[in-house]
Protein backbone atom coordinates (compact mmCIF):
# COMPACT_ATOMS: atom_id res chain seq x y z
CA MET A 1 25.16 -42.46 16.82
CA SER A 2 21.64 -44.32 16.14
CA THR A 3 19.24 -42.81 13.44
CA HIS A 4 15.36 -43.09 13.65
CA HIS A 5 13.66 -44.42 10.44
CA LEU A 6 9.93 -43.62 10.17
CA ILE A 7 7.65 -46.17 8.99
CA PRO A 8 6.01 -44.27 5.81
CA SER A 9 2.90 -46.44 6.67
CA SER A 10 2.59 -44.66 10.45
CA PHE A 11 1.69 -41.58 7.67
CA ASN A 12 -1.13 -43.02 6.28
CA LEU A 13 0.34 -42.14 2.88
CA SER A 14 -1.54 -44.27 0.60
CA GLN A 15 -4.69 -42.54 2.07
CA VAL A 16 -3.34 -38.50 1.66
CA VAL A 17 -2.25 -39.78 -1.80
CA GLY A 18 -5.57 -40.93 -2.62
CA GLU A 19 -7.16 -37.74 -1.03
CA LEU A 20 -4.65 -35.51 -2.74
CA ARG A 21 -5.25 -36.89 -6.26
CA ARG A 22 -9.11 -36.54 -5.69
CA SER A 23 -8.38 -32.81 -5.03
CA ARG A 24 -6.53 -32.46 -8.48
CA GLU A 25 -8.73 -34.37 -10.64
CA GLU A 26 -11.98 -33.70 -9.11
CA THR A 27 -13.12 -31.73 -5.88
CA HIS A 28 -10.72 -28.85 -6.36
CA LYS A 29 -9.28 -29.11 -10.06
CA ILE A 30 -7.62 -26.05 -11.40
CA ARG A 31 -5.50 -27.57 -13.93
CA HIS A 32 -5.14 -25.60 -17.09
CA LEU A 33 -7.67 -27.27 -19.94
CA GLY A 34 -7.85 -30.10 -17.84
CA ARG A 35 -4.13 -31.49 -18.97
CA VAL A 36 -0.75 -32.23 -17.73
CA ARG A 37 1.65 -29.41 -19.44
CA GLU A 38 5.29 -28.82 -18.61
CA LEU A 39 5.50 -25.22 -17.10
CA PRO A 40 8.09 -22.73 -18.10
CA SER A 41 11.03 -23.02 -15.88
CA ARG A 42 12.31 -19.99 -13.63
CA GLU A 43 15.48 -21.56 -13.24
CA ALA A 44 15.85 -21.49 -17.19
CA LEU A 45 14.37 -18.02 -17.24
CA GLU A 46 16.88 -16.68 -15.13
CA GLU A 47 20.07 -18.44 -16.97
CA ILE A 48 18.13 -16.79 -20.34
CA LEU A 49 17.97 -13.33 -18.77
CA ALA A 50 21.65 -13.43 -17.60
CA ASP A 51 22.99 -14.44 -21.10
CA LEU A 52 20.87 -11.95 -22.50
CA PHE A 53 21.81 -9.22 -19.87
CA ALA A 54 25.25 -10.30 -20.93
CA SER A 55 24.71 -10.12 -24.86
CA LEU A 56 23.43 -6.69 -24.63
CA PHE A 57 26.25 -5.33 -22.19
CA PRO A 58 29.31 -7.88 -22.50
CA THR A 59 31.99 -6.29 -20.34
CA HIS A 60 29.43 -5.37 -17.64
CA TYR A 61 27.30 -8.73 -17.28
CA GLY A 62 29.33 -10.91 -19.20
CA ARG A 63 33.41 -10.69 -19.05
CA ALA A 64 35.46 -7.65 -18.06
CA ASP A 65 38.39 -9.04 -20.17
CA LEU A 66 36.69 -9.00 -23.78
CA THR A 67 38.74 -7.56 -26.20
CA ASP A 68 37.64 -5.90 -29.59
CA GLU A 69 38.46 -9.49 -31.41
CA SER A 70 36.58 -11.47 -28.92
CA ILE A 71 33.48 -9.75 -28.03
CA ASP A 72 31.55 -10.37 -30.97
CA TYR A 73 32.18 -14.32 -30.72
CA PHE A 74 31.26 -13.88 -26.97
CA VAL A 75 27.80 -12.23 -27.67
CA GLY A 76 27.14 -14.58 -30.59
CA ASN A 77 27.67 -17.69 -28.31
CA VAL A 78 25.59 -16.52 -25.44
CA LEU A 79 22.81 -15.31 -27.73
CA SER A 80 23.07 -18.84 -29.25
CA VAL A 81 22.56 -20.65 -25.99
CA ALA A 82 19.89 -18.05 -24.53
CA LEU A 83 17.82 -17.94 -27.86
CA ASN A 84 17.87 -21.54 -28.25
CA LYS A 85 16.62 -22.01 -24.32
CA LEU A 86 14.26 -18.97 -24.93
CA SER A 87 12.04 -20.73 -27.57
CA GLU A 88 11.61 -24.05 -25.78
CA GLN A 89 10.53 -21.83 -22.81
CA ILE A 90 8.09 -19.94 -25.08
CA ARG A 91 6.62 -22.91 -26.51
CA ARG A 92 5.87 -24.34 -23.14
CA GLY A 93 4.32 -20.91 -22.45
CA LEU A 94 2.14 -20.99 -25.64
CA TYR A 95 0.05 -23.67 -24.46
CA PHE A 96 -1.06 -21.11 -21.57
CA SER A 97 -1.74 -18.52 -23.66
CA SER A 98 -3.66 -20.64 -26.68
CA ASN A 99 -7.30 -19.69 -24.69
CA GLY A 100 -8.26 -23.26 -24.91
CA ASN A 101 -7.71 -23.68 -28.50
CA LEU A 102 -4.98 -26.22 -29.14
CA GLU A 103 -5.54 -27.85 -32.60
CA GLY A 104 -2.37 -26.11 -33.47
CA GLU A 105 -0.28 -27.86 -30.73
CA HIS A 106 1.76 -29.73 -33.51
CA ARG A 107 2.97 -26.19 -34.74
CA PHE A 108 3.82 -24.66 -31.38
CA ASP A 109 7.81 -25.71 -31.77
CA ALA A 110 7.60 -23.79 -35.15
CA LEU A 111 5.92 -20.78 -33.80
CA ALA A 112 8.03 -20.63 -30.82
CA GLU A 113 11.02 -20.53 -32.95
CA LYS A 114 9.15 -18.18 -35.19
CA LEU A 115 8.60 -15.61 -32.02
CA THR A 116 12.22 -16.38 -31.06
CA SER A 117 13.49 -15.15 -34.33
CA GLN A 118 11.50 -11.91 -33.67
CA PHE A 119 12.49 -11.17 -30.53
CA ALA A 120 15.82 -11.52 -31.38
CA ALA A 121 15.52 -9.01 -34.29
CA GLN A 122 14.70 -6.52 -31.85
CA LEU A 123 17.64 -6.95 -29.36
CA PRO A 124 19.00 -3.95 -30.49
CA ALA A 125 15.79 -1.37 -30.41
CA ILE A 126 15.50 -3.05 -27.05
CA ARG A 127 19.35 -1.84 -25.87
CA ALA A 128 18.58 1.69 -27.59
CA LEU A 129 15.75 2.23 -25.00
CA ILE A 130 17.87 0.95 -22.27
CA VAL A 131 20.59 3.25 -23.15
CA SER A 132 18.12 5.85 -23.11
CA ASP A 133 17.26 4.93 -19.65
CA ILE A 134 20.92 4.81 -18.19
CA ARG A 135 21.36 8.39 -19.62
CA ALA A 136 17.99 9.24 -17.98
CA ALA A 137 19.25 7.93 -14.38
CA MET A 138 23.01 9.76 -15.20
CA SER A 139 20.92 13.06 -16.15
CA GLY A 140 18.69 12.45 -13.25
CA ASP A 141 20.43 11.64 -10.44
CA PRO A 142 23.71 13.98 -9.01
CA ALA A 143 24.89 10.86 -6.89
CA ALA A 144 25.38 8.80 -10.58
CA THR A 145 29.18 8.81 -11.41
CA SER A 146 29.34 6.26 -14.18
CA VAL A 147 27.17 3.92 -16.55
CA SER A 148 29.16 1.22 -15.00
CA GLU A 149 27.90 2.51 -11.41
CA ILE A 150 24.30 2.78 -12.70
CA LEU A 151 24.44 -0.83 -14.98
CA LEU A 152 25.82 -2.68 -11.78
CA CYS A 153 23.92 -0.76 -8.42
CA TYR A 154 20.64 1.10 -9.60
CA PRO A 155 17.77 -1.56 -8.97
CA GLY A 156 15.65 0.83 -10.87
CA VAL A 157 17.75 0.65 -14.24
CA ASN A 158 18.10 -2.89 -12.94
CA ALA A 159 14.12 -3.45 -13.38
CA ALA A 160 13.63 -1.42 -16.55
CA ILE A 161 16.08 -3.58 -18.51
CA HIS A 162 13.91 -6.83 -17.48
CA TYR A 163 10.72 -4.62 -18.15
CA ARG A 164 12.17 -3.63 -21.79
CA ILE A 165 13.05 -7.38 -22.42
CA ALA A 166 9.36 -8.57 -20.86
CA HIS A 167 7.60 -6.13 -22.64
CA ALA A 168 9.01 -7.47 -26.28
CA LEU A 169 7.96 -10.76 -25.34
CA TYR A 170 4.49 -9.62 -24.36
CA GLN A 171 4.35 -7.91 -27.35
CA LEU A 172 4.82 -10.76 -29.66
CA GLY A 173 2.76 -13.22 -27.58
CA ALA A 174 4.27 -14.60 -24.82
CA PRO A 175 2.63 -13.29 -22.13
CA LEU A 176 3.42 -15.93 -19.45
CA LEU A 177 6.81 -15.96 -19.99
CA ALA A 178 6.79 -11.86 -19.78
CA ARG A 179 4.91 -12.02 -16.59
CA PHE A 180 7.51 -14.41 -15.32
CA ILE A 181 9.94 -12.04 -15.81
CA SER A 182 8.29 -9.12 -14.40
CA GLU A 183 8.20 -11.31 -11.29
CA ILE A 184 11.93 -12.22 -11.34
CA ALA A 185 12.82 -8.46 -11.48
CA HIS A 186 10.01 -8.05 -8.53
CA SER A 187 11.92 -10.50 -6.40
CA ARG A 188 15.52 -8.99 -7.56
CA THR A 189 14.80 -4.95 -7.49
CA GLY A 190 10.85 -4.45 -5.19
CA VAL A 191 9.71 -2.89 -8.49
CA ASP A 192 6.69 -4.71 -9.94
CA ILE A 193 6.21 -3.63 -13.82
CA HIS A 194 3.47 -5.19 -15.37
CA PRO A 195 4.88 -6.21 -19.04
CA GLY A 196 1.75 -5.13 -20.45
CA ALA A 197 2.48 -1.45 -19.41
CA GLN A 198 3.55 0.58 -22.33
CA ILE A 199 6.77 3.21 -21.38
CA GLY A 200 8.68 5.28 -23.43
CA GLU A 201 12.72 6.27 -23.79
CA GLY A 202 14.40 8.00 -21.10
CA PHE A 203 12.72 5.91 -18.29
CA PHE A 204 14.18 6.56 -14.64
CA ILE A 205 13.58 4.94 -11.34
CA ASP A 206 15.31 6.57 -8.26
CA HIS A 207 16.27 4.21 -5.70
CA GLY A 208 13.49 1.60 -6.97
CA THR A 209 12.10 -0.19 -3.99
CA GLY A 210 8.10 -0.38 -4.16
CA VAL A 211 7.26 1.13 -7.22
CA VAL A 212 4.21 -0.48 -8.99
CA ILE A 213 3.55 0.07 -12.58
CA GLY A 214 -0.14 -1.59 -13.52
CA GLN A 215 -0.77 -3.76 -16.85
CA THR A 216 -2.70 -0.53 -18.92
CA ALA A 217 -0.58 2.16 -17.44
CA ILE A 218 1.27 4.35 -20.49
CA LEU A 219 3.87 6.33 -20.12
CA GLY A 220 5.60 8.79 -22.17
CA LYS A 221 9.01 9.85 -22.65
CA ASN A 222 11.44 11.13 -19.70
CA ILE A 223 9.46 9.83 -16.83
CA ARG A 224 11.23 10.26 -13.50
CA LEU A 225 9.36 8.04 -10.67
CA TYR A 226 11.04 7.75 -7.12
CA GLN A 227 10.42 4.74 -4.36
CA ALA A 228 7.20 3.60 -3.50
CA VAL A 229 5.35 5.22 -6.25
CA THR A 230 2.05 3.52 -7.53
CA LEU A 231 0.34 3.85 -10.70
CA GLY A 232 -2.66 1.93 -10.04
CA ALA A 233 -6.22 0.85 -10.62
CA LYS A 234 -9.08 3.16 -8.72
CA ARG A 235 -11.53 0.45 -9.35
CA PHE A 236 -12.10 -3.26 -11.24
CA PRO A 237 -14.48 -3.27 -13.83
CA GLU A 238 -17.15 -6.14 -13.72
CA ASP A 239 -19.12 -7.63 -16.61
CA ASP A 240 -22.97 -8.33 -15.55
CA GLU A 241 -22.02 -11.41 -14.09
CA GLY A 242 -20.01 -9.70 -11.55
CA ASN A 243 -16.69 -11.50 -12.93
CA LEU A 244 -13.89 -9.04 -13.57
CA ILE A 245 -13.33 -7.49 -16.89
CA LYS A 246 -9.47 -8.79 -17.89
CA GLY A 247 -7.18 -6.01 -19.59
CA ALA A 248 -10.09 -2.87 -19.28
CA GLU A 249 -7.97 0.41 -19.59
CA ARG A 250 -7.61 1.15 -15.94
CA HIS A 251 -4.26 2.59 -15.06
CA PRO A 252 -2.97 6.04 -15.34
CA ILE A 253 -1.41 8.07 -18.43
CA LEU A 254 1.94 10.16 -17.95
CA GLU A 255 2.78 12.17 -20.71
CA ASP A 256 6.19 13.17 -21.66
CA ASP A 257 8.48 14.75 -18.53
CA VAL A 258 6.36 13.93 -15.82
CA VAL A 259 8.14 13.29 -12.31
CA ILE A 260 6.21 11.68 -9.54
CA TYR A 261 7.83 11.90 -6.02
CA ALA A 262 8.13 9.12 -3.40
CA GLY A 263 5.07 7.42 -1.73
CA ALA A 264 2.64 9.03 -4.20
CA THR A 265 -0.12 6.83 -5.35
CA VAL A 266 -1.85 7.65 -8.64
CA LEU A 267 -5.03 5.63 -9.43
CA GLY A 268 -7.32 5.25 -12.23
CA ARG A 269 -7.38 6.26 -16.18
CA ILE A 270 -6.45 9.38 -15.37
CA THR A 271 -3.86 11.87 -17.35
CA ILE A 272 -1.21 13.44 -15.90
CA GLY A 273 -0.08 16.25 -18.23
CA ALA A 274 3.36 16.71 -19.77
CA ARG A 275 6.11 18.30 -17.49
CA SER A 276 3.88 17.87 -14.24
CA THR A 277 5.13 17.38 -11.07
CA ILE A 278 3.29 15.09 -8.18
CA GLY A 279 4.57 15.36 -4.52
CA GLY A 280 5.70 13.00 -2.38
CA ASN A 281 3.11 10.92 -0.76
CA VAL A 282 0.10 12.63 -3.05
CA TRP A 283 -2.76 10.35 -3.50
CA LEU A 284 -4.68 11.42 -6.95
CA THR A 285 -7.38 9.84 -8.57
CA LYS A 286 -8.20 13.08 -11.12
CA SER A 287 -6.48 14.32 -14.13
CA VAL A 288 -4.36 17.31 -14.19
CA PRO A 289 -3.47 19.45 -16.89
CA PRO A 290 0.35 19.85 -18.32
CA ASP A 291 2.99 22.02 -16.04
CA SER A 292 0.94 21.08 -13.11
CA ASN A 293 2.58 21.01 -9.69
CA ILE A 294 0.45 18.88 -7.32
CA SER A 295 1.44 18.75 -3.61
CA GLN A 296 -0.14 16.77 -0.33
CA ALA A 297 -1.54 19.94 0.63
CA GLN A 298 -3.70 20.74 -2.24
CA THR A 299 -4.68 17.21 -2.13
CA LEU A 300 -6.04 17.44 1.25
CA GLY A 301 -7.64 20.59 0.75
CA HIS A 302 -10.26 19.09 -1.93
C-alpha cells in the first residue's frame, strides 16, 4: 500500500496565505472594531441550552430516574454548570453589542456575571410562560395525548422554548447570544423567530416548519399559528443616504386569540384584531378589525 504526499510548495501556499492576510487586513476588512475577538461558541451554547432545558423540565430533558430527593440536587448542579458557561458566552458577546465603545472592556466580566444572575432570576417566569405554551398545544391540537408527547415531539413547542430563553437574553442586553440561540432553534425545528419579537402567553405553533416571525412583531395572548406562516415586513425603510434603518417597527401586531392557518403571509406594521382568523395561503398587507375571518378568496377579490 502506497501513499502519495503532496508537496505544500506546489500549492503556492505562502502566496495564498499572504493574499488572504491582505484581504483580511486591508482590501476586504470586516473585522468588528478592527480587533480580533473570541466569538461566542455554538457548541458551548448548545451545551448550555441542553442544561437549561434540563433545569426547566428535569425528567423530560434531564434524567428520567430522578426522585423527589434527587431532583433539586440535579437541577442545582446542571444550572451551576450552565450559568457559568453562559456568563463566559455573554462576556464574549458583549464585544459585539458595545456600539464601538470598549472603554469599559475591563468591566465586561462583572457585567456578564450580572446579566447571567438577572437571567437566572427570570427562569421561573420563563418556565411559567413555557407551561402556558404547552397547555395551548394540549388544548389546541386534538392529536396531542400528553405533556410528555408535546415536550418531546412537537417542534413548535421546542422552538417556543428556545425563543423564551433567547428573548430574555435579548432584553437583558445580550442580542448576539440571543440571535445565536434563535438560529440554533431554526436549524433544529425549521421555525425562525427573531428574539426581539414580543409574544404573550399561550403561544402555539402547530407542525412548525417554515414559520417566520420578524424582530418587531408583537403577538398577544393565545396566538395559534400553523406551518409556513410568515409575519414579515412589507418594505424596509431607509435613511436619507439610502441605508436601511435598523430596528424600525415593520412587522405585524396580532391581538389576543388570533389564529393564522398554513401558508398565510402577513406583512407590514398592520394590526390583526382580536379573535380574528386568517385562512390558509392568504396574503395580507392591511389591518383587519377584531373578529374578522379572512379567506384567500376575499383577498383575491380586492
